[in-house]
Amino acid sequence: MLGVYLATVPPTVGIWSSLFNLYNVFGAIAAILVISYLVYNVVKYRRREGHDEAVEERGEEKVNWRKVLFTLAITSSVLFVVELQTFNSVPLIVPPQSSDPLNIGVVGHQWSWTFVYPNGDRLVGNLTVPAGRVVILNITSTDVTHSFAITGLDVAVDANAGRYNSLWFTAPDAGSTYTIRCKELCGVGHAFMTAKMTVVDQATFNAWIQSTGGKPGS
């Protein structure tokens, strides 16, 4: 959840929202067409006097291949557009090119998150990042499977023991805060496995890194 209103939409939110809205549009169109066709057939072929005899006299109808091909063409076109848009959403997984990304390690354990900065500093339950900078999180677990999620940025990935998974994001507004949650049921303390992420300007972040023994911009 955001602590303050964001003036700028984070890039990951924009990508995900575009894909989600497309699925919603296609889903709504499909629902309207299917329900309309269902109602049409219910009305047209409703039981009435003499209807059964007329059906028996007409016998088995031939397949209308024009309708079959038309339906196939429409379905293929919709699936093609959906797949194309899905491939266009690959940037949700692959971070953008950046000359100075910030790499932070994340370790999940029952039931908290530990953040390891490039200078070796470790914080439990508290992640601080600079605004407007590409942040890459390398995520693992020491025990069971967890799922690291920042819902306000529309990013999430599993945290597996013995394996590292990565996600990236850019938080555009200094002063905003986010809640980090575990989305995988991981034991009795799952509901309380949260952390806070604070976004600060680059100068404030550099000063904080220096105070912990790191280097500005590292």
Protein backbone atom coordinates (compact mmCIF):
# COMPACT_ATOMS: atom_id res chain seq x y z
CA MET A 1 0.00 0.00 0.00
CA LEU A 2 1.27 3.46 -0.80
CA GLY A 3 1.94 5.83 2.06
CA VAL A 4 1.39 8.87 -0.14
CA TYR A 5 -0.19 9.56 -3.50
CA LEU A 6 2.18 8.87 -6.37
CA ALA A 7 2.46 11.71 -8.88
CA THR A 8 4.14 9.44 -11.43
CA VAL A 9 3.10 5.95 -12.47
CA PRO A 10 5.96 3.45 -11.90
CA PRO A 11 7.02 1.72 -15.16
CA THR A 12 6.17 -1.77 -13.90
CA VAL A 13 2.65 -0.61 -13.03
CA GLY A 14 2.21 0.89 -16.51
CA ILE A 15 3.29 -2.32 -18.26
CA TRP A 16 1.13 -4.59 -16.12
CA SER A 17 -1.92 -2.30 -16.29
CA SER A 18 -1.71 -2.22 -20.10
CA LEU A 19 -1.74 -6.02 -20.28
CA PHE A 20 -4.46 -6.36 -17.65
CA ASN A 21 -6.71 -3.82 -19.38
CA LEU A 22 -6.30 -5.63 -22.71
CA TYR A 23 -7.39 -8.93 -21.15
CA ASN A 24 -10.36 -7.20 -19.55
CA VAL A 25 -11.48 -5.72 -22.89
CA PHE A 26 -11.21 -9.04 -24.74
CA GLY A 27 -12.91 -10.84 -21.84
CA ALA A 28 -15.82 -8.40 -21.83
CA ILE A 29 -16.26 -8.65 -25.61
CA ALA A 30 -16.17 -12.46 -25.47
CA ALA A 31 -18.73 -12.49 -22.65
CA ILE A 32 -21.10 -10.19 -24.56
CA LEU A 33 -20.86 -12.27 -27.75
CA VAL A 34 -21.29 -15.63 -26.03
CA ILE A 35 -24.22 -14.52 -23.84
CA SER A 36 -25.91 -12.78 -26.78
CA TYR A 37 -25.57 -15.90 -28.94
CA LEU A 38 -26.90 -18.03 -26.09
CA VAL A 39 -29.96 -15.81 -25.63
CA TYR A 40 -30.54 -15.75 -29.40
CA ASN A 41 -30.58 -19.54 -29.57
CA VAL A 42 -32.76 -19.89 -26.48
CA VAL A 43 -35.36 -17.60 -28.04
CA LYS A 44 -35.12 -19.00 -31.56
CA TYR A 45 -35.24 -22.67 -30.60
CA ARG A 46 -37.54 -22.48 -27.59
CA ARG A 47 -40.03 -25.33 -27.34
CA ARG A 48 -43.34 -24.55 -29.01
CA GLU A 49 -46.21 -26.41 -30.67
CA GLY A 50 -45.17 -28.24 -33.82
CA HIS A 51 -41.48 -27.49 -33.30
CA ASP A 52 -40.42 -31.12 -32.64
CA GLU A 53 -42.16 -32.34 -35.81
CA ALA A 54 -40.47 -29.61 -37.88
CA VAL A 55 -37.06 -30.58 -36.54
CA GLU A 56 -37.67 -34.26 -37.39
CA GLU A 57 -38.73 -33.39 -40.94
CA ARG A 58 -35.68 -31.16 -41.48
CA GLY A 59 -33.35 -33.91 -40.37
CA GLU A 60 -29.63 -33.45 -39.69
CA GLU A 61 -28.27 -30.06 -40.80
CA LYS A 62 -25.05 -29.77 -42.79
CA VAL A 63 -21.99 -28.12 -41.31
CA ASN A 64 -21.75 -24.47 -42.27
CA TRP A 65 -18.04 -24.24 -43.07
CA ARG A 66 -18.22 -20.49 -43.64
CA LYS A 67 -19.28 -19.99 -40.02
CA VAL A 68 -16.61 -22.43 -38.84
CA LEU A 69 -13.84 -20.65 -40.76
CA PHE A 70 -15.08 -17.21 -39.70
CA THR A 71 -15.09 -18.25 -36.03
CA LEU A 72 -11.62 -19.77 -36.41
CA ALA A 73 -10.28 -16.58 -38.02
CA ILE A 74 -11.69 -14.35 -35.27
CA THR A 75 -10.38 -16.62 -32.52
CA SER A 76 -6.91 -16.83 -34.10
CA SER A 77 -6.76 -13.05 -34.51
CA VAL A 78 -7.66 -12.43 -30.86
CA LEU A 79 -5.11 -14.98 -29.64
CA PHE A 80 -2.44 -13.45 -31.88
CA VAL A 81 -3.02 -9.97 -30.46
CA VAL A 82 -3.01 -11.30 -26.89
CA GLU A 83 0.22 -13.25 -27.44
CA LEU A 84 1.85 -10.23 -29.09
CA GLN A 85 0.95 -8.01 -26.17
CA THR A 86 2.19 -10.66 -23.74
CA PHE A 87 5.58 -10.73 -25.46
CA ASN A 88 5.63 -6.93 -25.33
CA SER A 89 5.36 -7.28 -21.55
CA VAL A 90 8.73 -9.06 -21.29
CA PRO A 91 10.20 -5.86 -19.71
CA LEU A 92 8.31 -6.86 -16.56
CA ILE A 93 10.92 -9.61 -16.22
CA VAL A 94 13.99 -8.16 -17.95
CA PRO A 95 15.26 -4.93 -16.35
CA PRO A 96 15.86 -1.95 -18.63
CA GLN A 97 19.37 -0.90 -19.60
CA SER A 98 20.86 1.24 -16.87
CA SER A 99 24.38 2.58 -16.35
CA ASP A 100 24.01 2.49 -12.57
CA PRO A 101 21.48 -0.06 -11.28
CA LEU A 102 21.26 -0.73 -7.56
CA ASN A 103 21.56 -4.45 -6.73
CA ILE A 104 20.21 -5.55 -3.36
CA GLY A 105 20.02 -9.06 -1.96
CA VAL A 106 16.81 -10.25 -0.30
CA VAL A 107 16.64 -13.25 2.03
CA GLY A 108 13.30 -14.62 3.16
CA HIS A 109 12.92 -16.69 6.30
CA GLN A 110 10.11 -17.61 8.64
CA TRP A 111 8.82 -14.94 9.02
CA SER A 112 10.73 -11.83 7.94
CA TRP A 113 12.74 -10.29 5.09
CA THR A 114 16.43 -9.39 5.32
CA PHE A 115 17.89 -6.89 2.82
CA VAL A 116 21.60 -7.05 2.00
CA TYR A 117 23.10 -3.89 0.46
CA PRO A 118 26.19 -3.81 -1.80
CA ASN A 119 28.33 -2.64 1.15
CA GLY A 120 27.30 -5.71 3.16
CA ASP A 121 24.93 -3.83 5.45
CA ARG A 122 21.93 -5.99 6.43
CA LEU A 123 18.54 -4.64 7.45
CA VAL A 124 15.59 -6.70 8.65
CA GLY A 125 12.13 -5.54 7.67
CA ASN A 126 13.27 -2.21 6.24
CA LEU A 127 14.23 -1.51 2.62
CA THR A 128 15.41 1.97 1.56
CA VAL A 129 15.89 2.79 -2.14
CA PRO A 130 16.61 5.95 -4.17
CA ALA A 131 13.86 7.45 -6.31
CA GLY A 132 14.09 7.21 -10.10
CA ARG A 133 16.82 4.56 -10.11
CA VAL A 134 16.60 1.00 -11.42
CA VAL A 135 16.64 -1.35 -8.43
CA ILE A 136 17.34 -5.06 -8.98
CA LEU A 137 16.50 -7.44 -6.15
CA ASN A 138 18.14 -10.87 -6.02
CA ILE A 139 15.83 -12.96 -3.87
CA THR A 140 16.29 -16.29 -2.08
CA SER A 141 15.09 -18.14 1.02
CA THR A 142 16.76 -19.94 3.91
CA ASP A 143 13.90 -22.37 4.57
CA VAL A 144 10.52 -22.83 2.87
CA THR A 145 9.21 -21.19 -0.28
CA HIS A 146 8.08 -17.59 0.16
CA SER A 147 6.83 -15.05 -2.37
CA PHE A 148 8.22 -11.51 -2.34
CA ALA A 149 5.68 -8.93 -3.49
CA ILE A 150 5.46 -5.13 -3.62
CA THR A 151 1.81 -4.75 -4.53
CA GLY A 152 2.02 -1.00 -5.10
CA LEU A 153 4.57 -1.59 -7.87
CA ASP A 154 2.91 -4.70 -9.35
CA VAL A 155 6.03 -6.85 -8.91
CA ALA A 156 6.35 -10.27 -7.26
CA VAL A 157 8.56 -13.36 -7.46
CA ASP A 158 9.05 -16.58 -5.49
CA ALA A 159 11.82 -16.88 -2.91
CA ASN A 160 13.18 -20.44 -3.07
CA ALA A 161 15.84 -22.01 -0.87
CA GLY A 162 19.09 -22.63 -2.75
CA ARG A 163 18.03 -20.52 -5.73
CA TYR A 164 18.05 -16.84 -6.65
CA ASN A 165 15.17 -15.17 -8.51
CA SER A 166 15.32 -11.54 -9.60
CA LEU A 167 12.87 -8.72 -10.07
CA TRP A 168 13.33 -5.04 -10.86
CA PHE A 169 11.46 -1.82 -10.31
CA THR A 170 11.83 1.95 -10.33
CA ALA A 171 10.05 3.96 -7.66
CA PRO A 172 9.56 7.46 -9.15
CA ASP A 173 8.59 9.55 -6.12
CA ALA A 174 10.80 10.31 -3.12
CA GLY A 175 8.83 10.27 0.13
CA SER A 176 6.55 7.39 -0.89
CA THR A 177 6.36 4.20 1.13
CA TYR A 178 5.32 0.67 0.18
CA THR A 179 4.40 -2.47 2.08
CA ILE A 180 6.25 -5.66 1.15
CA ARG A 181 4.36 -8.89 1.73
CA CYS A 182 4.78 -12.64 1.36
CA LYS A 183 2.14 -14.03 -1.03
CA GLU A 184 2.94 -17.71 -0.43
CA LEU A 185 1.43 -19.49 2.57
CA CYS A 186 4.62 -20.32 4.48
CA GLY A 187 3.56 -21.22 8.01
CA VAL A 188 1.78 -19.86 11.07
CA GLY A 189 3.55 -16.48 10.86
CA HIS A 190 2.76 -15.91 7.18
CA ALA A 191 0.27 -13.09 7.77
CA PHE A 192 2.89 -11.08 9.67
CA MET A 193 5.71 -11.52 7.14
CA THR A 194 5.82 -7.91 5.99
CA ALA A 195 8.45 -5.22 5.50
CA LYS A 196 8.48 -1.52 4.77
CA MET A 197 10.08 0.08 1.72
CA THR A 198 10.91 3.78 1.85
CA VAL A 199 11.80 5.81 -1.23
CA VAL A 200 14.22 8.73 -0.72
CA ASP A 201 16.06 11.10 -3.02
CA GLN A 202 19.53 10.09 -4.25
CA ALA A 203 21.37 12.55 -1.96
CA THR A 204 19.61 11.17 1.13
CA PHE A 205 20.33 7.62 0.02
CA ASN A 206 24.02 8.42 -0.54
CA ALA A 207 24.27 9.96 2.93
CA TRP A 208 22.66 6.89 4.45
CA ILE A 209 24.99 4.52 2.59
CA GLN A 210 28.02 6.53 3.76
CA SER A 211 26.80 6.38 7.35
CA THR A 212 26.76 2.58 7.14
CA GLY A 213 30.22 2.36 5.61
CA GLY A 214 29.29 2.24 1.93
CA LYS A 215 30.09 4.51 -0.96
CA PRO A 216 27.73 7.07 -2.53
CA GLY A 217 25.89 5.66 -5.53
CA SER A 218 26.85 2.07 -4.66
